[in-house]
Amino acid sequence: TAAAVVWDTLRDPDALFRVLSTKPAAIAGLSAHGRAVRVGNHANLVVFAPNEAWRADSFRSKSANSPYLGAEMTGRVKATIHEGRVTYQSGEK
């Protein structure tokens, strides 16, 4: 939901990356995260479909409280890759 909310607010791929990757990594002091994609670096990526509409009716989190529960959203994370390994892929449980 965070990616969809930020995308809906900013509609800018660079701003999305900055707000959800670069800045949080810098604040937390995580130098291996929030970096540009470069040959030789581990792939830490998110595959994001900016035009995909969906309903926020279930979450992978154990938390059941969200102001976005039931909301129609646009922009969906399809996959995450951490250190070159797929850690989440849309449609998998």
PDB file of N, CA and C in Angstrom:
ATOM      1  N   THR A   1       0.819  -1.200   0.000  1.00  0.00           N
ATOM      2  CA  THR A   1       0.000   0.000   0.000  1.00  0.00           C
ATOM      3  C   THR A   1       0.861   1.261   0.000  1.00  0.00           C
ATOM      4  N   ALA A   2       2.023   1.216   0.648  1.00  0.00           N
ATOM      5  CA  ALA A   2       2.866   2.406   0.716  1.00  0.00           C
ATOM      6  C   ALA A   2       3.264   2.884  -0.679  1.00  0.00           C
ATOM      7  N   ALA A   3       3.663   1.956  -1.535  1.00  0.00           N
ATOM      8  CA  ALA A   3       4.078   2.343  -2.886  1.00  0.00           C
ATOM      9  C   ALA A   3       2.909   2.960  -3.651  1.00  0.00           C
ATOM     10  N   ALA A   4       1.717   2.393  -3.521  1.00  0.00           N
ATOM     11  CA  ALA A   4       0.540   2.936  -4.214  1.00  0.00           C
ATOM     12  C   ALA A   4       0.180   4.324  -3.694  1.00  0.00           C
ATOM     13  N   VAL A   5       0.246   4.532  -2.386  1.00  0.00           N
ATOM     14  CA  VAL A   5      -0.078   5.834  -1.803  1.00  0.00           C
ATOM     15  C   VAL A   5       0.935   6.885  -2.246  1.00  0.00           C
ATOM     16  N   VAL A   6       2.217   6.550  -2.179  1.00  0.00           N
ATOM     17  CA  VAL A   6       3.248   7.504  -2.612  1.00  0.00           C
ATOM     18  C   VAL A   6       3.108   7.777  -4.108  1.00  0.00           C
ATOM     19  N   TRP A   7       2.885   6.733  -4.905  1.00  0.00           N
ATOM     20  CA  TRP A   7       2.722   6.913  -6.344  1.00  0.00           C
ATOM     21  C   TRP A   7       1.524   7.818  -6.645  1.00  0.00           C
ATOM     22  N   ASP A   8       0.396   7.575  -5.977  1.00  0.00           N
ATOM     23  CA  ASP A   8      -0.806   8.373  -6.206  1.00  0.00           C
ATOM     24  C   ASP A   8      -0.573   9.835  -5.842  1.00  0.00           C
ATOM     25  N   THR A   9       0.258  10.072  -4.851  1.00  0.00           N
ATOM     26  CA  THR A   9       0.535  11.433  -4.394  1.00  0.00           C
ATOM     27  C   THR A   9       1.535  12.148  -5.295  1.00  0.00           C
ATOM     28  N   LEU A  10       2.607  11.462  -5.691  1.00  0.00           N
ATOM     29  CA  LEU A  10       3.712  12.126  -6.393  1.00  0.00           C
ATOM     30  C   LEU A  10       3.736  11.915  -7.907  1.00  0.00           C
ATOM     31  N   ARG A  11       3.315  10.738  -8.372  1.00  0.00           N
ATOM     32  CA  ARG A  11       3.318  10.394  -9.806  1.00  0.00           C
ATOM     33  C   ARG A  11       4.657  10.688 -10.487  1.00  0.00           C
ATOM     34  N   ASP A  12       5.729  10.382  -9.788  1.00  0.00           N
ATOM     35  CA  ASP A  12       7.078  10.631 -10.305  1.00  0.00           C
ATOM     36  C   ASP A  12       7.973   9.462  -9.898  1.00  0.00           C
ATOM     37  N   PRO A  13       8.488   8.680 -10.875  1.00  0.00           N
ATOM     38  CA  PRO A  13       9.320   7.518 -10.530  1.00  0.00           C
ATOM     39  C   PRO A  13      10.545   7.878  -9.689  1.00  0.00           C
ATOM     40  N   ASP A  14      11.197   8.996  -9.989  1.00  0.00           N
ATOM     41  CA  ASP A  14      12.375   9.391  -9.199  1.00  0.00           C
ATOM     42  C   ASP A  14      11.988   9.719  -7.758  1.00  0.00           C
ATOM     43  N   ALA A  15      10.860  10.398  -7.580  1.00  0.00           N
ATOM     44  CA  ALA A  15      10.399  10.733  -6.227  1.00  0.00           C
ATOM     45  C   ALA A  15      10.000   9.470  -5.466  1.00  0.00           C
ATOM     46  N   LEU A  16       9.341   8.537  -6.145  1.00  0.00           N
ATOM     47  CA  LEU A  16       8.967   7.261  -5.518  1.00  0.00           C
ATOM     48  C   LEU A  16      10.209   6.544  -4.993  1.00  0.00           C
ATOM     49  N   PHE A  17      11.247   6.468  -5.816  1.00  0.00           N
ATOM     50  CA  PHE A  17      12.501   5.816  -5.424  1.00  0.00           C
ATOM     51  C   PHE A  17      13.147   6.554  -4.253  1.00  0.00           C
ATOM     52  N   ARG A  18      13.149   7.866  -4.322  1.00  0.00           N
ATOM     53  CA  ARG A  18      13.772   8.671  -3.264  1.00  0.00           C
ATOM     54  C   ARG A  18      13.025   8.481  -1.932  1.00  0.00           C
ATOM     55  N   VAL A  19      11.698   8.556  -1.955  1.00  0.00           N
ATOM     56  CA  VAL A  19      10.895   8.501  -0.731  1.00  0.00           C
ATOM     57  C   VAL A  19      10.880   7.106  -0.096  1.00  0.00           C
ATOM     58  N   LEU A  20      10.869   6.055  -0.928  1.00  0.00           N
ATOM     59  CA  LEU A  20      10.736   4.703  -0.380  1.00  0.00           C
ATOM     60  C   LEU A  20      12.030   3.902  -0.362  1.00  0.00           C
ATOM     61  N   SER A  21      13.110   4.454  -0.893  1.00  0.00           N
ATOM     62  CA  SER A  21      14.355   3.694  -0.938  1.00  0.00           C
ATOM     63  C   SER A  21      15.558   4.519  -0.478  1.00  0.00           C
ATOM     64  N   THR A  22      15.907   5.513  -1.237  1.00  0.00           N
ATOM     65  CA  THR A  22      17.129   6.285  -0.966  1.00  0.00           C
ATOM     66  C   THR A  22      17.116   6.954   0.402  1.00  0.00           C
ATOM     67  N   LYS A  23      16.074   7.729   0.683  1.00  0.00           N
ATOM     68  CA  LYS A  23      16.004   8.463   1.957  1.00  0.00           C
ATOM     69  C   LYS A  23      15.924   7.543   3.173  1.00  0.00           C
ATOM     70  N   PRO A  24      15.024   6.537   3.186  1.00  0.00           N
ATOM     71  CA  PRO A  24      14.985   5.650   4.355  1.00  0.00           C
ATOM     72  C   PRO A  24      16.319   4.929   4.583  1.00  0.00           C
ATOM     73  N   ALA A  25      16.976   4.495   3.514  1.00  0.00           N
ATOM     74  CA  ALA A  25      18.274   3.817   3.660  1.00  0.00           C
ATOM     75  C   ALA A  25      19.304   4.769   4.254  1.00  0.00           C
ATOM     76  N   ALA A  26      19.302   6.017   3.806  1.00  0.00           N
ATOM     77  CA  ALA A  26      20.252   7.001   4.343  1.00  0.00           C
ATOM     78  C   ALA A  26      19.966   7.291   5.816  1.00  0.00           C
ATOM     79  N   ILE A  27      18.705   7.467   6.153  1.00  0.00           N
ATOM     80  CA  ILE A  27      18.328   7.745   7.542  1.00  0.00           C
ATOM     81  C   ILE A  27      18.745   6.596   8.455  1.00  0.00           C
ATOM     82  N   ALA A  28      18.554   5.367   7.995  1.00  0.00           N
ATOM     83  CA  ALA A  28      18.881   4.187   8.808  1.00  0.00           C
ATOM     84  C   ALA A  28      20.356   3.805   8.730  1.00  0.00           C
ATOM     85  N   GLY A  29      21.114   4.481   7.876  1.00  0.00           N
ATOM     86  CA  GLY A  29      22.536   4.164   7.736  1.00  0.00           C
ATOM     87  C   GLY A  29      22.787   2.829   7.059  1.00  0.00           C
ATOM     88  N   LEU A  30      21.896   2.441   6.142  1.00  0.00           N
ATOM     89  CA  LEU A  30      22.018   1.163   5.432  1.00  0.00           C
ATOM     90  C   LEU A  30      22.677   1.406   4.075  1.00  0.00           C
ATOM     91  N   SER A  31      23.999   1.407   4.068  1.00  0.00           N
ATOM     92  CA  SER A  31      24.732   1.761   2.848  1.00  0.00           C
ATOM     93  C   SER A  31      24.552   0.756   1.711  1.00  0.00           C
ATOM     94  N   ALA A  32      24.154  -0.473   1.999  1.00  0.00           N
ATOM     95  CA  ALA A  32      23.949  -1.475   0.952  1.00  0.00           C
ATOM     96  C   ALA A  32      22.568  -1.362   0.311  1.00  0.00           C
ATOM     97  N   HIS A  33      21.753  -0.423   0.772  1.00  0.00           N
ATOM     98  CA  HIS A  33      20.388  -0.261   0.258  1.00  0.00           C
ATOM     99  C   HIS A  33      20.206   1.136  -0.313  1.00  0.00           C
ATOM    100  N   GLY A  34      19.221   1.279  -1.177  1.00  0.00           N
ATOM    101  CA  GLY A  34      18.919   2.596  -1.729  1.00  0.00           C
ATOM    102  C   GLY A  34      19.952   3.090  -2.713  1.00  0.00           C
ATOM    103  N   ARG A  35      20.726   2.174  -3.269  1.00  0.00           N
ATOM    104  CA  ARG A  35      21.770   2.557  -4.226  1.00  0.00           C
ATOM    105  C   ARG A  35      21.261   2.418  -5.647  1.00  0.00           C
ATOM    106  N   ALA A  36      21.940   3.101  -6.550  1.00  0.00           N
ATOM    107  CA  ALA A  36      21.646   2.951  -7.971  1.00  0.00           C
ATOM    108  C   ALA A  36      22.034   1.537  -8.416  1.00  0.00           C
ATOM    109  N   VAL A  37      21.363   1.050  -9.441  1.00  0.00           N
ATOM    110  CA  VAL A  37      21.682  -0.267  -9.995  1.00  0.00           C
ATOM    111  C   VAL A  37      22.971  -0.135 -10.800  1.00  0.00           C
ATOM    112  N   ARG A  38      23.963  -0.949 -10.435  1.00  0.00           N
ATOM    113  CA  ARG A  38      25.255  -0.918 -11.121  1.00  0.00           C
ATOM    114  C   ARG A  38      25.796  -2.329 -11.247  1.00  0.00           C
ATOM    115  N   VAL A  39      26.558  -2.562 -12.299  1.00  0.00           N
ATOM    116  CA  VAL A  39      27.220  -3.849 -12.492  1.00  0.00           C
ATOM    117  C   VAL A  39      28.114  -4.119 -11.286  1.00  0.00           C
ATOM    118  N   GLY A  40      28.006  -5.318 -10.742  1.00  0.00           N
ATOM    119  CA  GLY A  40      28.821  -5.713  -9.598  1.00  0.00           C
ATOM    120  C   GLY A  40      28.120  -5.564  -8.263  1.00  0.00           C
ATOM    121  N   ASN A  41      27.039  -4.775  -8.205  1.00  0.00           N
ATOM    122  CA  ASN A  41      26.269  -4.634  -6.971  1.00  0.00           C
ATOM    123  C   ASN A  41      25.190  -5.708  -6.923  1.00  0.00           C
ATOM    124  N   HIS A  42      24.832  -6.140  -5.724  1.00  0.00           N
ATOM    125  CA  HIS A  42      23.692  -7.035  -5.579  1.00  0.00           C
ATOM    126  C   HIS A  42      22.448  -6.296  -6.042  1.00  0.00           C
ATOM    127  N   ALA A  43      21.534  -7.019  -6.658  1.00  0.00           N
ATOM    128  CA  ALA A  43      20.277  -6.422  -7.100  1.00  0.00           C
ATOM    129  C   ALA A  43      19.306  -6.322  -5.938  1.00  0.00           C
ATOM    130  N   ASN A  44      18.975  -5.117  -5.540  1.00  0.00           N
ATOM    131  CA  ASN A  44      17.924  -4.839  -4.575  1.00  0.00           C
ATOM    132  C   ASN A  44      16.906  -3.993  -5.325  1.00  0.00           C
ATOM    133  N   LEU A  45      15.864  -4.642  -5.838  1.00  0.00           N
ATOM    134  CA  LEU A  45      14.935  -3.986  -6.750  1.00  0.00           C
ATOM    135  C   LEU A  45      13.491  -4.249  -6.370  1.00  0.00           C
ATOM    136  N   VAL A  46      12.629  -3.378  -6.862  1.00  0.00           N
ATOM    137  CA  VAL A  46      11.185  -3.572  -6.784  1.00  0.00           C
ATOM    138  C   VAL A  46      10.642  -3.426  -8.195  1.00  0.00           C
ATOM    139  N   VAL A  47       9.825  -4.382  -8.610  1.00  0.00           N
ATOM    140  CA  VAL A  47       9.134  -4.288  -9.890  1.00  0.00           C
ATOM    141  C   VAL A  47       7.763  -3.699  -9.582  1.00  0.00           C
ATOM    142  N   PHE A  48       7.489  -2.527 -10.155  1.00  0.00           N
ATOM    143  CA  PHE A  48       6.287  -1.757  -9.822  1.00  0.00           C
ATOM    144  C   PHE A  48       5.481  -1.480 -11.077  1.00  0.00           C
ATOM    145  N   ALA A  49       4.188  -1.805 -11.046  1.00  0.00           N
ATOM    146  CA  ALA A  49       3.279  -1.550 -12.169  1.00  0.00           C
ATOM    147  C   ALA A  49       2.468  -0.296 -11.832  1.00  0.00           C
ATOM    148  N   PRO A  50       2.868   0.875 -12.341  1.00  0.00           N
ATOM    149  CA  PRO A  50       2.246   2.129 -11.927  1.00  0.00           C
ATOM    150  C   PRO A  50       0.787   2.300 -12.338  1.00  0.00           C
ATOM    151  N   ASN A  51       0.329   1.580 -13.345  1.00  0.00           N
ATOM    152  CA  ASN A  51      -1.043   1.755 -13.818  1.00  0.00           C
ATOM    153  C   ASN A  51      -1.992   0.633 -13.404  1.00  0.00           C
ATOM    154  N   GLU A  52      -1.492  -0.326 -12.620  1.00  0.00           N
ATOM    155  CA  GLU A  52      -2.347  -1.448 -12.224  1.00  0.00           C
ATOM    156  C   GLU A  52      -3.257  -1.056 -11.069  1.00  0.00           C
ATOM    157  N   ALA A  53      -4.560  -1.195 -11.304  1.00  0.00           N
ATOM    158  CA  ALA A  53      -5.553  -0.903 -10.260  1.00  0.00           C
ATOM    159  C   ALA A  53      -5.795  -2.163  -9.433  1.00  0.00           C
ATOM    160  N   TRP A  54      -6.053  -1.981  -8.152  1.00  0.00           N
ATOM    161  CA  TRP A  54      -6.315  -3.096  -7.256  1.00  0.00           C
ATOM    162  C   TRP A  54      -7.050  -2.599  -6.016  1.00  0.00           C
ATOM    163  N   ARG A  55      -7.638  -3.515  -5.285  1.00  0.00           N
ATOM    164  CA  ARG A  55      -8.338  -3.189  -4.047  1.00  0.00           C
ATOM    165  C   ARG A  55      -7.500  -3.697  -2.875  1.00  0.00           C
ATOM    166  N   ALA A  56      -7.274  -2.835  -1.920  1.00  0.00           N
ATOM    167  CA  ALA A  56      -6.499  -3.191  -0.720  1.00  0.00           C
ATOM    168  C   ALA A  56      -7.410  -3.949   0.240  1.00  0.00           C
ATOM    169  N   ASP A  57      -7.630  -5.241  -0.069  1.00  0.00           N
ATOM    170  CA  ASP A  57      -8.544  -6.018   0.767  1.00  0.00           C
ATOM    171  C   ASP A  57      -7.847  -7.074   1.610  1.00  0.00           C
ATOM    172  N   SER A  58      -6.562  -7.272   1.369  1.00  0.00           N
ATOM    173  CA  SER A  58      -5.800  -8.178   2.224  1.00  0.00           C
ATOM    174  C   SER A  58      -4.338  -7.754   2.195  1.00  0.00           C
ATOM    175  N   PHE A  59      -3.639  -8.050   3.260  1.00  0.00           N
ATOM    176  CA  PHE A  59      -2.247  -7.634   3.398  1.00  0.00           C
ATOM    177  C   PHE A  59      -1.389  -8.817   3.804  1.00  0.00           C
ATOM    178  N   ARG A  60      -0.122  -8.781   3.444  1.00  0.00           N
ATOM    179  CA  ARG A  60       0.813  -9.818   3.863  1.00  0.00           C
ATOM    180  C   ARG A  60       1.206  -9.632   5.333  1.00  0.00           C
ATOM    181  N   SER A  61       1.022  -8.448   5.837  1.00  0.00           N
ATOM    182  CA  SER A  61       1.313  -8.137   7.231  1.00  0.00           C
ATOM    183  C   SER A  61       0.297  -8.827   8.138  1.00  0.00           C
ATOM    184  N   LYS A  62       0.678  -9.081   9.369  1.00  0.00           N
ATOM    185  CA  LYS A  62      -0.256  -9.644  10.340  1.00  0.00           C
ATOM    186  C   LYS A  62      -1.224  -8.583  10.861  1.00  0.00           C
ATOM    187  N   SER A  63      -0.906  -7.323  10.628  1.00  0.00           N
ATOM    188  CA  SER A  63      -1.775  -6.246  11.078  1.00  0.00           C
ATOM    189  C   SER A  63      -3.038  -6.182  10.219  1.00  0.00           C
ATOM    190  N   ALA A  64      -4.156  -5.957  10.835  1.00  0.00           N
ATOM    191  CA  ALA A  64      -5.425  -5.886  10.106  1.00  0.00           C
ATOM    192  C   ALA A  64      -5.996  -4.475  10.104  1.00  0.00           C
ATOM    193  N   ASN A  65      -5.256  -3.530  10.653  1.00  0.00           N
ATOM    194  CA  ASN A  65      -5.762  -2.164  10.679  1.00  0.00           C
ATOM    195  C   ASN A  65      -4.989  -1.301   9.684  1.00  0.00           C
ATOM    196  N   SER A  66      -5.695  -0.688   8.786  1.00  0.00           N
ATOM    197  CA  SER A  66      -5.113   0.199   7.792  1.00  0.00           C
ATOM    198  C   SER A  66      -6.178   1.165   7.328  1.00  0.00           C
ATOM    199  N   PRO A  67      -5.831   2.440   7.183  1.00  0.00           N
ATOM    200  CA  PRO A  67      -6.815   3.388   6.667  1.00  0.00           C
ATOM    201  C   PRO A  67      -7.149   3.111   5.197  1.00  0.00           C
ATOM    202  N   TYR A  68      -6.368   2.251   4.559  1.00  0.00           N
ATOM    203  CA  TYR A  68      -6.572   1.948   3.141  1.00  0.00           C
ATOM    204  C   TYR A  68      -7.309   0.632   2.914  1.00  0.00           C
ATOM    205  N   LEU A  69      -7.676  -0.061   3.971  1.00  0.00           N
ATOM    206  CA  LEU A  69      -8.389  -1.324   3.838  1.00  0.00           C
ATOM    207  C   LEU A  69      -9.675  -1.109   3.039  1.00  0.00           C
ATOM    208  N   GLY A  70      -9.813  -1.837   1.942  1.00  0.00           N
ATOM    209  CA  GLY A  70     -10.974  -1.733   1.075  1.00  0.00           C
ATOM    210  C   GLY A  70     -10.868  -0.663   0.004  1.00  0.00           C
ATOM    211  N   ALA A  71      -9.807   0.130   0.042  1.00  0.00           N
ATOM    212  CA  ALA A  71      -9.657   1.234  -0.918  1.00  0.00           C
ATOM    213  C   ALA A  71      -9.231   0.735  -2.293  1.00  0.00           C
ATOM    214  N   GLU A  72      -9.710   1.400  -3.327  1.00  0.00           N
ATOM    215  CA  GLU A  72      -9.236   1.173  -4.692  1.00  0.00           C
ATOM    216  C   GLU A  72      -7.924   1.932  -4.835  1.00  0.00           C
ATOM    217  N   MET A  73      -6.882   1.236  -5.283  1.00  0.00           N
ATOM    218  CA  MET A  73      -5.565   1.853  -5.393  1.00  0.00           C
ATOM    219  C   MET A  73      -5.035   1.657  -6.803  1.00  0.00           C
ATOM    220  N   THR A  74      -4.098   2.518  -7.191  1.00  0.00           N
ATOM    221  CA  THR A  74      -3.436   2.390  -8.481  1.00  0.00           C
ATOM    222  C   THR A  74      -1.935   2.387  -8.228  1.00  0.00           C
ATOM    223  N   GLY A  75      -1.264   1.399  -8.828  1.00  0.00           N
ATOM    224  CA  GLY A  75       0.169   1.214  -8.629  1.00  0.00           C
ATOM    225  C   GLY A  75       0.374   0.031  -7.711  1.00  0.00           C
ATOM    226  N   ARG A  76       1.027  -0.998  -8.233  1.00  0.00           N
ATOM    227  CA  ARG A  76       1.143  -2.229  -7.447  1.00  0.00           C
ATOM    228  C   ARG A  76       2.544  -2.829  -7.559  1.00  0.00           C
ATOM    229  N   VAL A  77       3.068  -3.256  -6.428  1.00  0.00           N
ATOM    230  CA  VAL A  77       4.348  -3.967  -6.417  1.00  0.00           C
ATOM    231  C   VAL A  77       4.102  -5.374  -6.953  1.00  0.00           C
ATOM    232  N   LYS A  78       4.864  -5.740  -7.973  1.00  0.00           N
ATOM    233  CA  LYS A  78       4.720  -7.058  -8.592  1.00  0.00           C
ATOM    234  C   LYS A  78       5.771  -8.035  -8.078  1.00  0.00           C
ATOM    235  N   ALA A  79       6.938  -7.513  -7.697  1.00  0.00           N
ATOM    236  CA  ALA A  79       8.009  -8.379  -7.196  1.00  0.00           C
ATOM    237  C   ALA A  79       9.026  -7.537  -6.439  1.00  0.00           C
ATOM    238  N   THR A  80       9.718  -8.187  -5.501  1.00  0.00           N
ATOM    239  CA  THR A  80      10.871  -7.574  -4.851  1.00  0.00           C
ATOM    240  C   THR A  80      12.049  -8.536  -4.984  1.00  0.00           C
ATOM    241  N   ILE A  81      13.207  -7.943  -5.147  1.00  0.00           N
ATOM    242  CA  ILE A  81      14.437  -8.719  -5.290  1.00  0.00           C
ATOM    243  C   ILE A  81      15.432  -8.159  -4.282  1.00  0.00           C
ATOM    244  N   HIS A  82      15.937  -9.025  -3.418  1.00  0.00           N
ATOM    245  CA  HIS A  82      16.914  -8.614  -2.400  1.00  0.00           C
ATOM    246  C   HIS A  82      18.185  -9.423  -2.586  1.00  0.00           C
ATOM    247  N   GLU A  83      19.280  -8.706  -2.766  1.00  0.00           N
ATOM    248  CA  GLU A  83      20.585  -9.329  -2.996  1.00  0.00           C
ATOM    249  C   GLU A  83      20.519 -10.389  -4.093  1.00  0.00           C
ATOM    250  N   GLY A  84      19.776 -10.055  -5.161  1.00  0.00           N
ATOM    251  CA  GLY A  84      19.712 -10.929  -6.320  1.00  0.00           C
ATOM    252  C   GLY A  84      18.702 -12.059  -6.234  1.00  0.00           C
ATOM    253  N   ARG A  85      17.996 -12.190  -5.099  1.00  0.00           N
ATOM    254  CA  ARG A  85      16.992 -13.265  -4.943  1.00  0.00           C
ATOM    255  C   ARG A  85      15.588 -12.666  -4.899  1.00  0.00           C
ATOM    256  N   VAL A  86      14.660 -13.282  -5.600  1.00  0.00           N
ATOM    257  CA  VAL A  86      13.261 -12.850  -5.561  1.00  0.00           C
ATOM    258  C   VAL A  86      12.719 -13.203  -4.175  1.00  0.00           C
ATOM    259  N   THR A  87      12.269 -12.192  -3.438  1.00  0.00           N
ATOM    260  CA  THR A  87      11.739 -12.411  -2.087  1.00  0.00           C
ATOM    261  C   THR A  87      10.231 -12.272  -2.043  1.00  0.00           C
ATOM    262  N   TYR A  88       9.645 -11.674  -3.061  1.00  0.00           N
ATOM    263  CA  TYR A  88       8.194 -11.578  -3.180  1.00  0.00           C
ATOM    264  C   TYR A  88       7.853 -11.527  -4.657  1.00  0.00           C
ATOM    265  N   GLN A  89       6.816 -12.239  -5.024  1.00  0.00           N
ATOM    266  CA  GLN A  89       6.307 -12.171  -6.394  1.00  0.00           C
ATOM    267  C   GLN A  89       4.788 -12.199  -6.335  1.00  0.00           C
ATOM    268  N   SER A  90       4.165 -11.257  -7.012  1.00  0.00           N
ATOM    269  CA  SER A  90       2.704 -11.153  -7.025  1.00  0.00           C
ATOM    270  C   SER A  90       2.074 -12.483  -7.400  1.00  0.00           C
ATOM    271  N   GLY A  91       1.037 -12.846  -6.661  1.00  0.00           N
ATOM    272  CA  GLY A  91       0.335 -14.086  -6.935  1.00  0.00           C
ATOM    273  C   GLY A  91       0.808 -15.268  -6.112  1.00  0.00           C
ATOM    274  N   GLU A  92       1.956 -15.133  -5.448  1.00  0.00           N
ATOM    275  CA  GLU A  92       2.456 -16.206  -4.584  1.00  0.00           C
ATOM    276  C   GLU A  92       1.950 -15.990  -3.167  1.00  0.00           C
ATOM    277  N   LYS A  93       1.706 -17.048  -2.468  1.00  0.00           N
ATOM    278  CA  LYS A  93       1.256 -16.963  -1.066  1.00  0.00           C
ATOM    279  C   LYS A  93       2.416 -17.185  -0.143  1.00  0.00           C
TER     280      LYS A  93
END
